[in-house]
C-alpha cells in the first residue's frame, strides 16, 4: 500500500497521510517584539542608536492574527494560507520568510525521507519576484513496479497577495534586511492581512507533464518498500519583525 508522509517544519507544515489528505501541523511557540521607544532624541554628545535588526517571531499566531488553511499542497488547486487581522502595534516592519527552519529539510521526495539533493532550489527563470511569484525546483525519483526507479523533476510555486488581492513583491533576505536562520527569500507584509498559495508538482521525464505530486504518486504503481517508497514533503514560513 502506498504511504504518503510528511515532515514537521517551521511555522507551518504541509503534510500528507496514507489517504492522501492534507494534515496541517501546529505552529511553534516563542517569539520576539520591538524593543525600546520609537522617536528617542539623540544628542550630539550621545552615540546614535544601532540599526534595528528584524527578530524572529516564533509565537503563533503572532500579532493577534487569524490563520486559516485550505486545500492540499499536492492536489489540484494547491494549498492556501490566509492571514487576517494583523495588529502591528508599534512595529515598523513585518516580514514573512519562506523555508526558514535550519533543523528541518524543505523539499519534496517520492522515494523516502528528504535528503539534501531533494531540497528546494530557487529558480530565477521561473520566478517573478516583483509580481509575488516564487518558484523552487528539485530532483527526486519514484520507485515503480514496472519501471524501477523513475527520475522526476519537482517544482514548488508560491504566490503572495495582500488583503486586496494585489501582489506583494518577494525579495531576497539581504534586500529585505533580514538576517534569516535559513530562508533566502521572503516578503514584507505592510497591511493587516495576506494570502499565500502554494502548489507542489512533479514532472515525468517521459511525458514532460507537470502533475500535483500526490495525484502523480497515487496513480503510480509503486512498490511497498517501506520508507524508501514513501512520499515526503515540507514547506513553511517564519515571521520576523522590528
Protein backbone atom coordinates (compact mmCIF):
# COMPACT_ATOMS: atom_id res chain seq x y z
CA UNK A 1 0.00 0.00 0.00
CA UNK A 2 1.28 3.44 -0.83
CA UNK A 3 2.15 5.62 2.11
CA UNK A 4 2.46 9.38 1.98
CA UNK A 5 4.24 11.02 4.88
CA UNK A 6 5.35 14.50 5.80
CA UNK A 7 7.95 16.18 7.95
CA UNK A 8 7.32 18.87 10.55
CA UNK A 9 8.70 22.23 9.51
CA UNK A 10 8.99 25.83 10.69
CA UNK A 11 5.87 27.83 11.39
CA UNK A 12 3.54 25.73 9.29
CA UNK A 13 3.62 22.22 7.94
CA UNK A 14 2.14 20.74 4.81
CA UNK A 15 1.98 17.00 5.40
CA UNK A 16 0.10 14.11 3.86
CA UNK A 17 -1.03 10.78 5.29
CA UNK A 18 -1.74 7.43 3.70
CA UNK A 19 -5.13 8.55 2.46
CA UNK A 20 -3.55 11.45 0.60
CA UNK A 21 -5.41 14.08 2.65
CA UNK A 22 -3.66 17.20 3.88
CA UNK A 23 -2.82 17.50 7.56
CA UNK A 24 -1.57 20.87 8.75
CA UNK A 25 0.73 20.68 11.72
CA UNK A 26 0.79 23.01 14.72
CA UNK A 27 2.84 26.19 14.69
CA UNK A 28 5.67 26.58 17.22
CA UNK A 29 5.97 28.97 20.10
CA UNK A 30 8.45 31.54 21.39
CA UNK A 31 8.96 34.97 19.89
CA UNK A 32 10.32 38.48 19.74
CA UNK A 33 8.98 42.02 19.73
CA UNK A 34 10.19 45.52 19.02
CA UNK A 35 12.38 46.73 21.89
CA UNK A 36 12.90 50.31 23.02
CA UNK A 37 10.98 53.52 22.42
CA UNK A 38 10.48 54.96 18.96
CA UNK A 39 11.47 58.54 18.25
CA UNK A 40 14.01 58.98 21.06
CA UNK A 41 16.13 62.07 20.56
CA UNK A 42 19.90 61.62 20.18
CA UNK A 43 22.03 64.46 21.46
CA UNK A 44 25.34 65.39 19.89
CA UNK A 45 27.07 64.05 22.99
CA UNK A 46 25.42 60.62 22.94
CA UNK A 47 26.03 57.75 20.48
CA UNK A 48 23.44 57.09 17.83
CA UNK A 49 21.20 54.04 18.22
CA UNK A 50 22.42 50.93 16.46
CA UNK A 51 20.43 49.97 13.36
CA UNK A 52 17.44 47.83 14.22
CA UNK A 53 17.61 44.18 13.20
CA UNK A 54 14.44 42.19 12.47
CA UNK A 55 14.00 39.40 15.02
CA UNK A 56 12.37 36.02 14.65
CA UNK A 57 8.75 35.92 15.85
CA UNK A 58 8.11 32.32 16.86
CA UNK A 59 4.82 32.88 18.73
CA UNK A 60 1.80 31.68 16.81
CA UNK A 61 -0.46 33.26 15.98
CA UNK A 62 1.66 36.43 16.08
CA UNK A 63 0.23 39.95 16.06
CA UNK A 64 -3.23 38.67 17.09
CA UNK A 65 -3.86 37.43 13.54
CA UNK A 66 -6.25 34.70 12.45
CA UNK A 67 -4.83 31.96 10.23
CA UNK A 68 -6.87 29.60 8.05
CA UNK A 69 -5.67 26.78 5.79
CA UNK A 70 -7.48 25.20 2.86
CA UNK A 71 -6.54 22.77 0.11
CA UNK A 72 -3.53 20.47 -0.22
CA UNK A 73 -0.01 21.20 -1.42
CA UNK A 74 -0.01 18.09 -3.61
CA UNK A 75 -3.51 18.30 -5.11
CA UNK A 76 -5.02 20.34 -7.93
CA UNK A 77 -5.60 23.89 -6.70
CA UNK A 78 -2.79 23.64 -4.18
CA UNK A 79 -2.65 24.89 -0.61
CA UNK A 80 -3.90 28.30 0.55
CA UNK A 81 -3.00 30.02 3.81
CA UNK A 82 -4.91 33.17 4.73
CA UNK A 83 -3.81 35.60 7.45
CA UNK A 84 -6.20 38.31 8.66
CA UNK A 85 -6.45 40.84 11.48
CA UNK A 86 -2.75 41.65 11.89
CA UNK A 87 -2.28 44.13 14.76
CA UNK A 88 1.01 45.89 14.17
CA UNK A 89 1.18 47.94 17.37
CA UNK A 90 4.48 49.84 17.38
CA UNK A 91 6.18 47.53 14.89
CA UNK A 92 7.79 49.25 11.94
CA UNK A 93 8.17 46.19 9.69
CA UNK A 94 6.85 42.63 9.47
CA UNK A 95 8.39 40.02 7.16
CA UNK A 96 7.34 36.53 6.07
CA UNK A 97 10.33 34.32 5.14
CA UNK A 98 9.96 31.06 3.18
CA UNK A 99 11.64 27.78 4.23
CA UNK A 100 13.50 29.21 7.20
CA UNK A 101 13.93 26.36 9.70
CA UNK A 102 17.54 25.07 9.52
CA UNK A 103 16.69 21.95 11.54
CA UNK A 104 14.20 20.61 9.02
CA UNK A 105 14.51 19.92 5.28
CA UNK A 106 12.42 21.95 2.86
CA UNK A 107 11.80 19.91 -0.24
CA UNK A 108 9.93 17.05 -1.90
CA UNK A 109 10.75 13.37 -2.23
CA UNK A 110 8.71 10.49 -3.64
CA UNK A 111 11.35 7.97 -2.62
CA UNK A 112 11.83 8.23 1.12
CA UNK A 113 12.88 10.99 3.53
CA UNK A 114 14.05 14.30 2.06
CA UNK A 115 17.81 14.49 1.55
CA UNK A 116 19.92 17.48 0.57
CA UNK A 117 19.60 16.51 -3.10
CA UNK A 118 15.82 16.83 -2.79
CA UNK A 119 15.88 20.29 -1.15
CA UNK A 120 14.10 23.09 -3.00
CA UNK A 121 16.42 25.27 -5.10
CA UNK A 122 15.43 28.77 -6.19
CA UNK A 123 14.57 29.06 -9.89
CA UNK A 124 15.32 32.56 -11.18
CA UNK A 125 13.98 31.59 -14.60
CA UNK A 126 10.52 30.61 -13.36
CA UNK A 127 10.17 33.17 -10.54
CA UNK A 128 8.75 36.68 -10.87
CA UNK A 129 9.69 38.31 -7.58
CA UNK A 130 8.18 41.78 -8.23
CA UNK A 131 4.86 40.11 -9.05
CA UNK A 132 4.85 37.99 -5.90
CA UNK A 133 5.76 34.67 -7.52
CA UNK A 134 8.48 32.45 -6.09
CA UNK A 135 9.42 29.14 -7.74
CA UNK A 136 11.70 26.39 -6.45
CA UNK A 137 12.74 23.20 -8.24
CA UNK A 138 14.44 19.95 -7.28
CA UNK A 139 15.08 16.38 -8.43
CA UNK A 140 13.62 13.20 -6.98
CA UNK A 141 12.66 9.67 -8.01
CA UNK A 142 9.75 7.28 -7.60
CA UNK A 143 10.13 3.50 -7.37
CA UNK A 144 7.55 1.71 -9.53
CA UNK A 145 6.78 -1.96 -10.00
CA UNK A 146 7.14 -1.88 -13.77
CA UNK A 147 9.94 0.64 -14.41
CA UNK A 148 12.01 0.64 -11.21
CA UNK A 149 13.40 3.99 -10.12
CA UNK A 150 11.96 6.72 -12.34
CA UNK A 151 13.66 10.17 -12.23
CA UNK A 152 11.35 13.14 -11.66
CA UNK A 153 11.68 16.91 -11.58
CA UNK A 154 9.92 18.68 -8.73
CA UNK A 155 8.51 22.20 -8.59
CA UNK A 156 7.10 24.37 -5.82
CA UNK A 157 5.24 27.53 -6.86
CA UNK A 158 4.44 30.09 -4.15
CA UNK A 159 2.43 33.29 -4.67
CA UNK A 160 1.54 36.00 -2.18
CA UNK A 161 -1.11 38.75 -2.29
CA UNK A 162 -2.41 41.33 0.16
CA UNK A 163 -5.95 41.62 1.54
CA UNK A 164 -6.99 43.45 -1.63
CA UNK A 165 -5.60 40.63 -3.83
CA UNK A 166 -2.71 42.78 -5.06
CA UNK A 167 0.63 41.04 -5.45
CA UNK A 168 3.17 41.51 -2.64
CA UNK A 169 6.72 41.54 -4.05
CA UNK A 170 9.13 38.84 -2.96
CA UNK A 171 12.80 39.71 -2.42
CA UNK A 172 15.94 38.03 -1.15
CA UNK A 173 16.57 38.40 2.57
CA UNK A 174 19.55 40.72 2.04
CA UNK A 175 17.33 43.18 0.19
CA UNK A 176 14.73 42.91 2.98
CA UNK A 177 17.42 43.49 5.61
CA UNK A 178 16.56 40.27 7.43
CA UNK A 179 19.22 38.00 8.89
CA UNK A 180 17.22 34.81 8.49
CA UNK A 181 18.05 31.45 10.01
CA UNK A 182 17.92 29.51 6.75
CA UNK A 183 15.41 31.18 4.40
CA UNK A 184 16.68 33.03 1.35
CA UNK A 185 13.51 34.78 0.13
CA UNK A 186 10.51 36.46 1.67
CA UNK A 187 8.18 39.45 1.58
CA UNK A 188 7.42 42.50 3.68
CA UNK A 189 3.86 42.48 4.99
CA UNK A 190 2.63 46.07 5.08
CA UNK A 191 -1.12 45.64 5.61
CA UNK A 192 -3.37 43.81 8.06
CA UNK A 193 -3.69 40.61 6.05
CA UNK A 194 -2.26 38.49 3.24
CA UNK A 195 -2.71 35.17 1.45
CA UNK A 196 -0.11 32.60 0.42
CA UNK A 197 -0.88 29.97 -2.22
CA UNK A 198 1.48 27.05 -2.86
CA UNK A 199 1.46 24.07 -5.22
CA UNK A 200 3.90 21.15 -5.30
CA UNK A 201 4.24 19.27 -8.58
CA UNK A 202 6.41 16.67 -10.31
CA UNK A 203 7.26 16.27 -13.98
CA UNK A 204 7.64 12.84 -15.52
CA UNK A 205 10.73 12.96 -17.73
CA UNK A 206 8.98 10.72 -20.28
CA UNK A 207 5.73 12.65 -20.70
CA UNK A 208 7.10 16.12 -19.74
CA UNK A 209 3.79 16.77 -17.97
CA UNK A 210 3.57 18.59 -14.64
CA UNK A 211 1.16 16.96 -12.16
CA UNK A 212 0.37 17.72 -8.49
CA UNK A 213 2.72 15.37 -6.69
CA UNK A 214 0.10 13.47 -4.66
CA UNK A 215 -2.05 12.89 -7.73
CA UNK A 216 1.02 11.53 -9.55
CA UNK A 217 2.02 9.38 -6.57
CA UNK A 218 -1.45 7.88 -6.18
CA UNK A 219 -1.65 6.99 -9.89
CA UNK A 220 1.77 5.34 -9.97
CA UNK A 221 2.13 1.59 -9.46
CA UNK A 222 4.60 1.88 -6.61
CA UNK A 223 6.25 -0.90 -4.64
CA UNK A 224 5.75 -1.30 -0.89
CA UNK A 225 9.41 -0.96 0.12
CA UNK A 226 8.90 0.85 3.42
CA UNK A 227 10.30 4.35 3.93
CA UNK A 228 12.20 4.17 0.66
CA UNK A 229 8.91 4.22 -1.23
CA UNK A 230 7.13 6.89 0.80
CA UNK A 231 6.39 10.44 -0.32
CA UNK A 232 7.70 13.24 1.91
CA UNK A 233 7.23 16.98 1.59
CA UNK A 234 7.80 20.03 3.77
CA UNK A 235 7.16 23.72 3.32
CA UNK A 236 6.70 26.61 5.71
CA UNK A 237 7.32 30.23 6.58
CA UNK A 238 8.58 32.28 9.50
CA UNK A 239 7.73 35.78 10.70
CA UNK A 240 10.35 38.39 11.53
CA UNK A 241 9.67 41.90 12.79
CA UNK A 242 11.24 45.12 14.04
